[in-house]
PDB file of N, CA and C in Angstrom:
ATOM      1  N   MET A   1      91.196  95.243  76.832  1.00  0.00           N
ATOM      2  CA  MET A   1      90.667  93.935  76.677  1.00  0.00           C
ATOM      3  C   MET A   1      89.481  93.864  77.912  1.00  0.00           C
ATOM      4  N   GLU A   2      88.359  93.457  77.409  1.00  0.00           N
ATOM      5  CA  GLU A   2      87.059  93.398  78.434  1.00  0.00           C
ATOM      6  C   GLU A   2      87.150  91.997  79.140  1.00  0.00           C
ATOM      7  N   PRO A   3      87.026  92.105  80.379  1.00  0.00           N
ATOM      8  CA  PRO A   3      86.894  90.798  81.115  1.00  0.00           C
ATOM      9  C   PRO A   3      85.754  90.050  80.725  1.00  0.00           C
ATOM     10  N   SER A   4      85.846  88.798  80.598  1.00  0.00           N
ATOM     11  CA  SER A   4      84.670  88.027  80.193  1.00  0.00           C
ATOM     12  C   SER A   4      83.715  87.940  81.353  1.00  0.00           C
ATOM     13  N   THR A   5      82.487  87.771  81.079  1.00  0.00           N
ATOM     14  CA  THR A   5      81.336  87.721  81.878  1.00  0.00           C
ATOM     15  C   THR A   5      81.428  86.356  82.815  1.00  0.00           C
ATOM     16  N   HIS A   6      82.044  85.319  82.306  1.00  0.00           N
ATOM     17  CA  HIS A   6      82.289  84.310  83.107  1.00  0.00           C
ATOM     18  C   HIS A   6      83.410  84.496  84.227  1.00  0.00           C
ATOM     19  N   SER A   7      84.299  85.210  84.058  1.00  0.00           N
ATOM     20  CA  SER A   7      85.340  85.508  85.111  1.00  0.00           C
ATOM     21  C   SER A   7      84.848  86.502  86.124  1.00  0.00           C
ATOM     22  N   LEU A   8      83.803  87.234  85.842  1.00  0.00           N
ATOM     23  CA  LEU A   8      83.260  88.244  86.807  1.00  0.00           C
ATOM     24  C   LEU A   8      82.174  87.413  87.605  1.00  0.00           C
ATOM     25  N   LEU A   9      81.579  86.347  87.108  1.00  0.00           N
ATOM     26  CA  LEU A   9      80.561  85.730  87.814  1.00  0.00           C
ATOM     27  C   LEU A   9      81.076  84.839  88.971  1.00  0.00           C
ATOM     28  N   LEU A  10      82.245  84.279  88.891  1.00  0.00           N
ATOM     29  CA  LEU A  10      82.877  83.592  90.000  1.00  0.00           C
ATOM     30  C   LEU A  10      83.189  84.378  91.247  1.00  0.00           C
ATOM     31  N   PRO A  11      83.738  85.641  91.023  1.00  0.00           N
ATOM     32  CA  PRO A  11      83.914  86.342  92.337  1.00  0.00           C
ATOM     33  C   PRO A  11      82.528  86.824  92.923  1.00  0.00           C
ATOM     34  N   LEU A  12      81.624  87.172  92.074  1.00  0.00           N
ATOM     35  CA  LEU A  12      80.289  87.589  92.522  1.00  0.00           C
ATOM     36  C   LEU A  12      79.688  86.276  93.314  1.00  0.00           C
ATOM     37  N   SER A  13      79.681  85.283  92.726  1.00  0.00           N
ATOM     38  CA  SER A  13      79.251  84.042  93.309  1.00  0.00           C
ATOM     39  C   SER A  13      79.774  83.740  94.602  1.00  0.00           C
ATOM     40  N   LEU A  14      81.198  83.938  94.836  1.00  0.00           N
ATOM     41  CA  LEU A  14      81.730  83.707  96.038  1.00  0.00           C
ATOM     42  C   LEU A  14      81.292  84.864  97.022  1.00  0.00           C
ATOM     43  N   LEU A  15      81.280  86.005  96.629  1.00  0.00           N
ATOM     44  CA  LEU A  15      80.824  87.002  97.519  1.00  0.00           C
ATOM     45  C   LEU A  15      79.348  86.774  97.888  1.00  0.00           C
ATOM     46  N   SER A  16      78.495  86.319  97.148  1.00  0.00           N
ATOM     47  CA  SER A  16      77.176  86.177  97.514  1.00  0.00           C
ATOM     48  C   SER A  16      77.050  84.922  98.399  1.00  0.00           C
ATOM     49  N   LEU A  17      77.876  83.902  98.236  1.00  0.00           N
ATOM     50  CA  LEU A  17      77.955  82.818  99.209  1.00  0.00           C
ATOM     51  C   LEU A  17      78.585  83.235 100.577  1.00  0.00           C
ATOM     52  N   TYR A  18      79.526  84.091 100.558  1.00  0.00           N
ATOM     53  CA  TYR A  18      80.071  84.512 101.823  1.00  0.00           C
ATOM     54  C   TYR A  18      79.054  85.452 102.530  1.00  0.00           C
ATOM     55  N   THR A  19      78.303  86.181 101.802  1.00  0.00           N
ATOM     56  CA  THR A  19      77.238  87.116 102.456  1.00  0.00           C
ATOM     57  C   THR A  19      76.156  86.330 103.075  1.00  0.00           C
ATOM     58  N   LEU A  20      75.695  85.173 102.253  1.00  0.00           N
ATOM     59  CA  LEU A  20      74.661  84.340 102.764  1.00  0.00           C
ATOM     60  C   LEU A  20      75.131  83.609 103.972  1.00  0.00           C
ATOM     61  N   SER A  21      76.458  83.304 103.943  1.00  0.00           N
ATOM     62  CA  SER A  21      76.878  82.501 105.331  1.00  0.00           C
ATOM     63  C   SER A  21      76.870  83.440 106.395  1.00  0.00           C
ATOM     64  N   VAL A  22      77.391  84.575 106.301  1.00  0.00           N
ATOM     65  CA  VAL A  22      77.471  85.619 107.337  1.00  0.00           C
ATOM     66  C   VAL A  22      76.010  86.019 107.694  1.00  0.00           C
ATOM     67  N   ARG A  23      75.088  86.151 107.043  1.00  0.00           N
ATOM     68  CA  ARG A  23      73.754  86.414 107.402  1.00  0.00           C
ATOM     69  C   ARG A  23      73.073  85.243 107.989  1.00  0.00           C
ATOM     70  N   ALA A  24      73.483  83.948 107.618  1.00  0.00           N
ATOM     71  CA  ALA A  24      72.909  82.800 108.313  1.00  0.00           C
ATOM     72  C   ALA A  24      73.561  82.686 109.727  1.00  0.00           C
ATOM     73  N   LYS A  25      74.803  83.070 109.947  1.00  0.00           N
ATOM     74  CA  LYS A  25      75.378  82.994 111.200  1.00  0.00           C
ATOM     75  C   LYS A  25      74.812  84.020 112.043  1.00  0.00           C
ATOM     76  N   MET A  26      74.663  85.209 111.554  1.00  0.00           N
ATOM     77  CA  MET A  26      74.036  86.376 112.277  1.00  0.00           C
ATOM     78  C   MET A  26      72.645  85.920 112.658  1.00  0.00           C
ATOM     79  N   LYS A  27      71.744  85.277 111.884  1.00  0.00           N
ATOM     80  CA  LYS A  27      70.453  84.839 112.157  1.00  0.00           C
ATOM     81  C   LYS A  27      70.494  83.879 113.384  1.00  0.00           C
ATOM     82  N   VAL A  28      71.478  82.922 113.194  1.00  0.00           N
ATOM     83  CA  VAL A  28      71.611  81.851 114.375  1.00  0.00           C
ATOM     84  C   VAL A  28      71.933  82.528 115.577  1.00  0.00           C
ATOM     85  N   SER A  29      72.876  83.461 115.631  1.00  0.00           N
ATOM     86  CA  SER A  29      73.234  84.244 116.725  1.00  0.00           C
ATOM     87  C   SER A  29      72.094  85.099 117.374  1.00  0.00           C
ATOM     88  N   TYR A  30      71.289  85.648 116.518  1.00  0.00           N
ATOM     89  CA  TYR A  30      70.217  86.411 117.002  1.00  0.00           C
ATOM     90  C   TYR A  30      69.243  85.418 117.778  1.00  0.00           C
ATOM     91  N   ILE A  31      68.936  84.272 117.014  1.00  0.00           N
ATOM     92  CA  ILE A  31      67.952  83.311 117.548  1.00  0.00           C
ATOM     93  C   ILE A  31      68.539  82.837 118.873  1.00  0.00           C
ATOM     94  N   ALA A  32      69.777  82.454 119.058  1.00  0.00           N
ATOM     95  CA  ALA A  32      70.403  82.033 120.302  1.00  0.00           C
ATOM     96  C   ALA A  32      70.317  83.035 121.377  1.00  0.00           C
ATOM     97  N   VAL A  33      70.464  84.384 121.104  1.00  0.00           N
ATOM     98  CA  VAL A  33      70.403  85.339 121.995  1.00  0.00           C
ATOM     99  C   VAL A  33      68.957  85.486 122.468  1.00  0.00           C
ATOM    100  N   CYS A  34      68.167  85.506 121.521  1.00  0.00           N
ATOM    101  CA  CYS A  34      66.614  85.569 121.850  1.00  0.00           C
ATOM    102  C   CYS A  34      66.258  84.316 122.854  1.00  0.00           C
ATOM    103  N   ALA A  35      66.755  83.215 122.418  1.00  0.00           N
ATOM    104  CA  ALA A  35      66.249  82.066 123.376  1.00  0.00           C
ATOM    105  C   ALA A  35      66.869  82.215 124.675  1.00  0.00           C
ATOM    106  N   VAL A  36      68.091  82.720 124.961  1.00  0.00           N
ATOM    107  CA  VAL A  36      68.728  82.884 126.259  1.00  0.00           C
ATOM    108  C   VAL A  36      67.847  83.989 127.020  1.00  0.00           C
ATOM    109  N   LEU A  37      67.561  84.964 126.313  1.00  0.00           N
ATOM    110  CA  LEU A  37      66.662  86.103 126.930  1.00  0.00           C
ATOM    111  C   LEU A  37      65.325  85.502 127.427  1.00  0.00           C
ATOM    112  N   VAL A  38      64.753  84.772 126.550  1.00  0.00           N
ATOM    113  CA  VAL A  38      63.307  84.215 126.969  1.00  0.00           C
ATOM    114  C   VAL A  38      63.595  83.306 128.153  1.00  0.00           C
ATOM    115  N   LEU A  39      64.696  82.461 128.193  1.00  0.00           N
ATOM    116  CA  LEU A  39      64.791  81.683 129.341  1.00  0.00           C
ATOM    117  C   LEU A  39      65.075  82.488 130.680  1.00  0.00           C
ATOM    118  N   LEU A  40      66.009  83.424 130.627  1.00  0.00           N
ATOM    119  CA  LEU A  40      66.254  84.324 131.753  1.00  0.00           C
ATOM    120  C   LEU A  40      65.131  84.970 132.117  1.00  0.00           C
ATOM    121  N   LEU A  41      64.231  85.576 131.267  1.00  0.00           N
ATOM    122  CA  LEU A  41      62.932  86.291 131.610  1.00  0.00           C
ATOM    123  C   LEU A  41      61.989  85.254 132.342  1.00  0.00           C
ATOM    124  N   ALA A  42      61.879  84.101 131.698  1.00  0.00           N
ATOM    125  CA  ALA A  42      60.941  83.168 132.222  1.00  0.00           C
ATOM    126  C   ALA A  42      61.405  82.853 133.719  1.00  0.00           C
ATOM    127  N   GLU A  43      62.674  82.566 134.037  1.00  0.00           N
ATOM    128  CA  GLU A  43      63.134  82.169 135.223  1.00  0.00           C
ATOM    129  C   GLU A  43      62.893  83.357 136.309  1.00  0.00           C
ATOM    130  N   ALA A  44      63.128  84.548 135.785  1.00  0.00           N
ATOM    131  CA  ALA A  44      62.905  85.859 136.710  1.00  0.00           C
ATOM    132  C   ALA A  44      61.562  85.831 137.072  1.00  0.00           C
ATOM    133  N   HIS A  45      60.617  85.665 136.005  1.00  0.00           N
ATOM    134  CA  HIS A  45      59.266  85.749 136.346  1.00  0.00           C
ATOM    135  C   HIS A  45      58.712  84.737 137.339  1.00  0.00           C
ATOM    136  N   ILE A  46      59.261  83.394 137.132  1.00  0.00           N
ATOM    137  CA  ILE A  46      58.867  82.421 138.166  1.00  0.00           C
ATOM    138  C   ILE A  46      59.339  82.713 139.453  1.00  0.00           C
ATOM    139  N   THR A  47      60.573  83.168 139.680  1.00  0.00           N
ATOM    140  CA  THR A  47      61.121  83.541 140.965  1.00  0.00           C
ATOM    141  C   THR A  47      60.440  84.707 141.677  1.00  0.00           C
ATOM    142  N   ALA A  48      60.002  85.694 140.674  1.00  0.00           N
ATOM    143  CA  ALA A  48      59.464  86.785 141.201  1.00  0.00           C
ATOM    144  C   ALA A  48      57.959  86.610 141.547  1.00  0.00           C
ATOM    145  N   ALA A  49      57.293  85.687 141.027  1.00  0.00           N
ATOM    146  CA  ALA A  49      55.998  85.236 141.320  1.00  0.00           C
ATOM    147  C   ALA A  49      55.674  84.711 142.675  1.00  0.00           C
ATOM    148  N   VAL A  50      56.703  84.165 143.319  1.00  0.00           N
ATOM    149  CA  VAL A  50      56.560  83.563 144.560  1.00  0.00           C
ATOM    150  C   VAL A  50      56.698  84.482 145.681  1.00  0.00           C
ATOM    151  N   THR A  51      55.549  84.611 146.567  1.00  0.00           N
ATOM    152  CA  THR A  51      55.616  85.273 147.702  1.00  0.00           C
ATOM    153  C   THR A  51      55.907  84.252 148.879  1.00  0.00           C
ATOM    154  N   CYS A  52      56.941  84.606 149.609  1.00  0.00           N
ATOM    155  CA  CYS A  52      57.362  83.540 150.601  1.00  0.00           C
ATOM    156  C   CYS A  52      56.382  83.938 151.817  1.00  0.00           C
ATOM    157  N   SER A  53      55.585  82.889 152.187  1.00  0.00           N
ATOM    158  CA  SER A  53      54.634  82.967 153.294  1.00  0.00           C
ATOM    159  C   SER A  53      54.390  81.581 153.871  1.00  0.00           C
ATOM    160  N   PRO A  54      54.896  81.308 155.009  1.00  0.00           N
ATOM    161  CA  PRO A  54      54.725  79.993 155.653  1.00  0.00           C
ATOM    162  C   PRO A  54      53.425  79.568 155.762  1.00  0.00           C
ATOM    163  N   THR A  55      52.354  80.406 155.806  1.00  0.00           N
ATOM    164  CA  THR A  55      50.983  80.010 156.052  1.00  0.00           C
ATOM    165  C   THR A  55      50.539  79.325 154.782  1.00  0.00           C
ATOM    166  N   GLU A  56      51.262  79.532 153.594  1.00  0.00           N
ATOM    167  CA  GLU A  56      50.873  78.863 152.281  1.00  0.00           C
ATOM    168  C   GLU A  56      50.937  77.374 152.573  1.00  0.00           C
ATOM    169  N   LEU A  57      51.781  76.947 153.410  1.00  0.00           N
ATOM    170  CA  LEU A  57      51.988  75.530 153.661  1.00  0.00           C
ATOM    171  C   LEU A  57      50.896  74.973 154.648  1.00  0.00           C
ATOM    172  N   SER A  58      49.951  75.716 155.117  1.00  0.00           N
ATOM    173  CA  SER A  58      49.010  75.089 156.153  1.00  0.00           C
ATOM    174  C   SER A  58      48.253  73.959 155.695  1.00  0.00           C
ATOM    175  N   SER A  59      48.129  73.805 154.279  1.00  0.00           N
ATOM    176  CA  SER A  59      47.399  72.709 153.895  1.00  0.00           C
ATOM    177  C   SER A  59      48.286  71.254 154.078  1.00  0.00           C
ATOM    178  N   CYS A  60      49.402  71.452 154.520  1.00  0.00           N
ATOM    179  CA  CYS A  60      50.353  70.191 154.786  1.00  0.00           C
ATOM    180  C   CYS A  60      50.285  69.811 156.296  1.00  0.00           C
ATOM    181  N   VAL A  61      49.791  70.680 157.071  1.00  0.00           N
ATOM    182  CA  VAL A  61      49.770  70.432 158.454  1.00  0.00           C
ATOM    183  C   VAL A  61      49.360  69.016 158.832  1.00  0.00           C
ATOM    184  N   GLY A  62      48.135  68.558 158.297  1.00  0.00           N
ATOM    185  CA  GLY A  62      47.546  67.340 158.648  1.00  0.00           C
ATOM    186  C   GLY A  62      48.526  66.206 158.210  1.00  0.00           C
ATOM    187  N   ALA A  63      49.076  66.337 157.047  1.00  0.00           N
ATOM    188  CA  ALA A  63      50.021  65.277 156.582  1.00  0.00           C
ATOM    189  C   ALA A  63      51.335  65.203 157.411  1.00  0.00           C
ATOM    190  N   ILE A  64      51.701  66.372 157.978  1.00  0.00           N
ATOM    191  CA  ILE A  64      52.941  66.432 158.745  1.00  0.00           C
ATOM    192  C   ILE A  64      52.673  65.788 160.145  1.00  0.00           C
ATOM    193  N   THR A  65      51.494  66.194 160.791  1.00  0.00           N
ATOM    194  CA  THR A  65      51.290  65.740 162.107  1.00  0.00           C
ATOM    195  C   THR A  65      50.726  64.336 162.171  1.00  0.00           C
ATOM    196  N   SER A  66      50.032  63.831 161.211  1.00  0.00           N
ATOM    197  CA  SER A  66      49.458  62.554 161.342  1.00  0.00           C
ATOM    198  C   SER A  66      49.990  61.432 160.445  1.00  0.00           C
ATOM    199  N   SER A  67      50.969  61.772 159.644  1.00  0.00           N
ATOM    200  CA  SER A  67      51.678  60.873 158.765  1.00  0.00           C
ATOM    201  C   SER A  67      50.700  60.238 157.596  1.00  0.00           C
ATOM    202  N   THR A  68      49.533  61.021 157.355  1.00  0.00           N
ATOM    203  CA  THR A  68      48.757  60.688 156.341  1.00  0.00           C
ATOM    204  C   THR A  68      49.387  61.302 154.942  1.00  0.00           C
ATOM    205  N   PRO A  69      49.113  60.634 153.824  1.00  0.00           N
ATOM    206  CA  PRO A  69      49.625  61.060 152.564  1.00  0.00           C
ATOM    207  C   PRO A  69      49.235  62.510 152.376  1.00  0.00           C
ATOM    208  N   PRO A  70      50.140  63.318 151.668  1.00  0.00           N
ATOM    209  CA  PRO A  70      49.732  64.759 151.465  1.00  0.00           C
ATOM    210  C   PRO A  70      48.831  65.011 150.280  1.00  0.00           C
ATOM    211  N   SER A  71      48.042  65.847 150.527  1.00  0.00           N
ATOM    212  CA  SER A  71      47.029  66.226 149.473  1.00  0.00           C
ATOM    213  C   SER A  71      47.686  66.841 148.318  1.00  0.00           C
ATOM    214  N   LYS A  72      46.960  66.971 147.119  1.00  0.00           N
ATOM    215  CA  LYS A  72      47.360  67.602 145.932  1.00  0.00           C
ATOM    216  C   LYS A  72      47.658  69.001 146.221  1.00  0.00           C
ATOM    217  N   LEU A  73      46.817  69.738 146.981  1.00  0.00           N
ATOM    218  CA  LEU A  73      46.991  71.090 147.300  1.00  0.00           C
ATOM    219  C   LEU A  73      48.275  71.267 148.103  1.00  0.00           C
ATOM    220  N   CYS A  74      48.555  70.430 149.033  1.00  0.00           N
ATOM    221  CA  CYS A  74      49.774  70.313 149.911  1.00  0.00           C
ATOM    222  C   CYS A  74      50.865  70.296 149.152  1.00  0.00           C
ATOM    223  N   CYS A  75      50.856  69.332 148.039  1.00  0.00           N
ATOM    224  CA  CYS A  75      52.098  69.271 147.200  1.00  0.00           C
ATOM    225  C   CYS A  75      52.302  70.378 146.358  1.00  0.00           C
ATOM    226  N   SER A  76      51.310  71.030 145.744  1.00  0.00           N
ATOM    227  CA  SER A  76      51.391  72.138 144.922  1.00  0.00           C
ATOM    228  C   SER A  76      51.830  73.416 145.672  1.00  0.00           C
ATOM    229  N   LYS A  77      51.500  73.527 146.964  1.00  0.00           N
ATOM    230  CA  LYS A  77      51.995  74.544 147.839  1.00  0.00           C
ATOM    231  C   LYS A  77      53.427  74.319 148.159  1.00  0.00           C
ATOM    232  N   ILE A  78      53.929  73.097 148.390  1.00  0.00           N
ATOM    233  CA  ILE A  78      55.335  72.870 148.664  1.00  0.00           C
ATOM    234  C   ILE A  78      56.165  73.354 147.379  1.00  0.00           C
ATOM    235  N   LYS A  79      55.743  72.757 146.220  1.00  0.00           N
ATOM    236  CA  LYS A  79      56.496  73.196 145.032  1.00  0.00           C
ATOM    237  C   LYS A  79      56.453  74.597 144.852  1.00  0.00           C
ATOM    238  N   GLU A  80      55.298  75.252 145.093  1.00  0.00           N
ATOM    239  CA  GLU A  80      55.318  76.766 144.895  1.00  0.00           C
ATOM    240  C   GLU A  80      56.162  77.519 145.878  1.00  0.00           C
ATOM    241  N   GLN A  81      56.335  77.078 147.021  1.00  0.00           N
ATOM    242  CA  GLN A  81      57.173  77.653 148.171  1.00  0.00           C
ATOM    243  C   GLN A  81      58.614  77.251 148.135  1.00  0.00           C
ATOM    244  N   LYS A  82      59.059  76.226 147.336  1.00  0.00           N
ATOM    245  CA  LYS A  82      60.287  75.616 147.242  1.00  0.00           C
ATOM    246  C   LYS A  82      61.440  76.737 147.256  1.00  0.00           C
ATOM    247  N   PRO A  83      61.304  77.851 146.446  1.00  0.00           N
ATOM    248  CA  PRO A  83      62.400  78.793 146.529  1.00  0.00           C
ATOM    249  C   PRO A  83      62.441  79.489 147.866  1.00  0.00           C
ATOM    250  N   CYS A  84      61.544  79.236 148.831  1.00  0.00           N
ATOM    251  CA  CYS A  84      61.470  79.960 150.175  1.00  0.00           C
ATOM    252  C   CYS A  84      61.950  78.941 151.189  1.00  0.00           C
ATOM    253  N   LEU A  85      62.048  77.753 150.941  1.00  0.00           N
ATOM    254  CA  LEU A  85      62.397  76.713 151.964  1.00  0.00           C
ATOM    255  C   LEU A  85      63.632  76.993 152.777  1.00  0.00           C
ATOM    256  N   CYS A  86      64.680  77.423 152.123  1.00  0.00           N
ATOM    257  CA  CYS A  86      65.940  77.713 152.763  1.00  0.00           C
ATOM    258  C   CYS A  86      65.752  78.957 153.741  1.00  0.00           C
ATOM    259  N   GLN A  87      64.965  79.897 153.239  1.00  0.00           N
ATOM    260  CA  GLN A  87      64.617  81.091 154.270  1.00  0.00           C
ATOM    261  C   GLN A  87      63.882  80.615 155.463  1.00  0.00           C
ATOM    262  N   TYR A  88      62.999  79.568 155.240  1.00  0.00           N
ATOM    263  CA  TYR A  88      62.211  79.226 156.308  1.00  0.00           C
ATOM    264  C   TYR A  88      63.152  78.408 157.348  1.00  0.00           C
ATOM    265  N   LEU A  89      64.109  77.550 156.684  1.00  0.00           N
ATOM    266  CA  LEU A  89      65.098  76.799 157.643  1.00  0.00           C
ATOM    267  C   LEU A  89      65.901  77.748 158.344  1.00  0.00           C
ATOM    268  N   LYS A  90      66.266  78.929 157.882  1.00  0.00           N
ATOM    269  CA  LYS A  90      67.061  79.833 158.574  1.00  0.00           C
ATOM    270  C   LYS A  90      66.391  80.462 159.795  1.00  0.00           C
ATOM    271  N   ASN A  91      64.973  80.493 159.718  1.00  0.00           N
ATOM    272  CA  ASN A  91      64.150  81.089 160.691  1.00  0.00           C
ATOM    273  C   ASN A  91      64.140  80.071 161.880  1.00  0.00           C
ATOM    274  N   PRO A  92      64.531  80.549 163.089  1.00  0.00           N
ATOM    275  CA  PRO A  92      64.596  79.647 164.251  1.00  0.00           C
ATOM    276  C   PRO A  92      63.126  79.074 164.688  1.00  0.00           C
ATOM    277  N   ASN A  93      62.184  80.003 164.334  1.00  0.00           N
ATOM    278  CA  ASN A  93      60.587  79.658 164.794  1.00  0.00           C
ATOM    279  C   ASN A  93      60.112  78.563 163.802  1.00  0.00           C
ATOM    280  N   LEU A  94      60.664  78.667 162.601  1.00  0.00           N
ATOM    281  CA  LEU A  94      60.103  77.685 161.471  1.00  0.00           C
ATOM    282  C   LEU A  94      60.819  76.524 161.256  1.00  0.00           C
ATOM    283  N   ARG A  95      62.248  76.594 161.531  1.00  0.00           N
ATOM    284  CA  ARG A  95      63.059  75.542 161.334  1.00  0.00           C
ATOM    285  C   ARG A  95      62.590  74.147 161.790  1.00  0.00           C
ATOM    286  N   LYS A  96      62.142  74.108 163.031  1.00  0.00           N
ATOM    287  CA  LYS A  96      61.672  72.826 163.822  1.00  0.00           C
ATOM    288  C   LYS A  96      60.582  72.206 162.989  1.00  0.00           C
ATOM    289  N   PHE A  97      59.785  73.032 162.442  1.00  0.00           N
ATOM    290  CA  PHE A  97      58.619  72.469 161.605  1.00  0.00           C
ATOM    291  C   PHE A  97      59.067  71.967 160.233  1.00  0.00           C
ATOM    292  N   VAL A  98      59.743  72.764 159.595  1.00  0.00           N
ATOM    293  CA  VAL A  98      60.142  72.569 158.118  1.00  0.00           C
ATOM    294  C   VAL A  98      61.198  71.362 158.024  1.00  0.00           C
ATOM    295  N   ASN A  99      61.947  71.328 159.187  1.00  0.00           N
ATOM    296  CA  ASN A  99      63.083  70.506 159.154  1.00  0.00           C
ATOM    297  C   ASN A  99      62.766  69.136 159.867  1.00  0.00           C
ATOM    298  N   SER A 100      61.492  68.918 160.313  1.00  0.00           N
ATOM    299  CA  SER A 100      61.067  67.741 161.019  1.00  0.00           C
ATOM    300  C   SER A 100      61.078  66.593 160.106  1.00  0.00           C
ATOM    301  N   PRO A 101      61.291  65.362 160.720  1.00  0.00           N
ATOM    302  CA  PRO A 101      61.362  64.212 159.760  1.00  0.00           C
ATOM    303  C   PRO A 101      60.015  63.964 158.948  1.00  0.00           C
ATOM    304  N   ASN A 102      58.876  64.215 159.591  1.00  0.00           N
ATOM    305  CA  ASN A 102      57.533  64.174 158.901  1.00  0.00           C
ATOM    306  C   ASN A 102      57.373  65.100 157.808  1.00  0.00           C
ATOM    307  N   ALA A 103      57.886  66.390 158.044  1.00  0.00           N
ATOM    308  CA  ALA A 103      57.922  67.343 156.904  1.00  0.00           C
ATOM    309  C   ALA A 103      58.787  67.030 155.841  1.00  0.00           C
ATOM    310  N   ARG A 104      59.876  66.423 156.034  1.00  0.00           N
ATOM    311  CA  ARG A 104      60.774  65.932 155.052  1.00  0.00           C
ATOM    312  C   ARG A 104      60.138  64.721 154.205  1.00  0.00           C
ATOM    313  N   LYS A 105      59.373  63.912 154.939  1.00  0.00           N
ATOM    314  CA  LYS A 105      58.693  62.773 154.287  1.00  0.00           C
ATOM    315  C   LYS A 105      57.635  63.353 153.428  1.00  0.00           C
ATOM    316  N   VAL A 106      56.944  64.417 153.864  1.00  0.00           N
ATOM    317  CA  VAL A 106      55.769  64.862 153.070  1.00  0.00           C
ATOM    318  C   VAL A 106      56.428  65.652 151.864  1.00  0.00           C
ATOM    319  N   ALA A 107      57.439  66.329 151.991  1.00  0.00           N
ATOM    320  CA  ALA A 107      57.981  67.086 150.849  1.00  0.00           C
ATOM    321  C   ALA A 107      58.528  66.012 149.949  1.00  0.00           C
ATOM    322  N   SER A 108      59.249  64.955 150.267  1.00  0.00           N
ATOM    323  CA  SER A 108      59.565  63.923 149.387  1.00  0.00           C
ATOM    324  C   SER A 108      58.489  63.218 148.648  1.00  0.00           C
ATOM    325  N   ALA A 109      57.493  62.950 149.390  1.00  0.00           N
ATOM    326  CA  ALA A 109      56.238  62.370 148.850  1.00  0.00           C
ATOM    327  C   ALA A 109      55.695  63.065 147.716  1.00  0.00           C
ATOM    328  N   CYS A 110      55.965  64.559 147.805  1.00  0.00           N
ATOM    329  CA  CYS A 110      55.430  65.388 146.940  1.00  0.00           C
ATOM    330  C   CYS A 110      56.481  65.717 145.592  1.00  0.00           C
ATOM    331  N   GLY A 111      57.575  65.064 145.780  1.00  0.00           N
ATOM    332  CA  GLY A 111      58.593  65.158 144.701  1.00  0.00           C
ATOM    333  C   GLY A 111      59.426  66.435 144.830  1.00  0.00           C
ATOM    334  N   THR A 112      59.350  67.121 145.897  1.00  0.00           N
ATOM    335  CA  THR A 112      60.020  68.235 146.134  1.00  0.00           C
ATOM    336  C   THR A 112      60.711  68.199 147.568  1.00  0.00           C
ATOM    337  N   PRO A 113      61.917  67.386 147.643  1.00  0.00           N
ATOM    338  CA  PRO A 113      62.641  67.254 148.788  1.00  0.00           C
ATOM    339  C   PRO A 113      63.112  68.612 149.273  1.00  0.00           C
ATOM    340  N   ILE A 114      63.209  68.692 150.655  1.00  0.00           N
ATOM    341  CA  ILE A 114      63.658  69.940 151.271  1.00  0.00           C
ATOM    342  C   ILE A 114      65.143  70.097 150.957  1.00  0.00           C
ATOM    343  N   PRO A 115      65.580  71.210 150.436  1.00  0.00           N
ATOM    344  CA  PRO A 115      66.932  71.386 150.164  1.00  0.00           C
ATOM    345  C   PRO A 115      67.831  71.495 151.275  1.00  0.00           C
ATOM    346  N   LYS A 116      69.164  71.097 151.113  1.00  0.00           N
ATOM    347  CA  LYS A 116      70.195  71.290 152.145  1.00  0.00           C
ATOM    348  C   LYS A 116      70.740  72.645 151.931  1.00  0.00           C
ATOM    349  N   CYS A 117      70.545  73.550 152.844  1.00  0.00           N
ATOM    350  CA  CYS A 117      70.951  74.926 152.579  1.00  0.00           C
ATOM    351  C   CYS A 117      72.210  75.334 153.374  1.00  0.00           C
TER     352      CYS A 117
END
């Protein structure tokens, strides 16, 4: 007795649905892994691109010493040097400048408060 075509189609349809479901899940997994890798690489690139150099903050000296509003250049340099601020705070020669009340005001005015390290 030959199985009917109808009875063969049902298992094949279920197998096709299962295969599509597995492929969809794999595709979502690949997309998620790729997204995570892109984020990690972007973060590594941003962190690696910063060269810690206190002289980069020289455009902020006027704002720190005279209480004038910081310039756009000063703010961009503070944001650029943000990953380095804890390193500067650990340096006894730089700490008194970076940790001064006026330096904190300038950094806050730029939207980049000095972190607590």
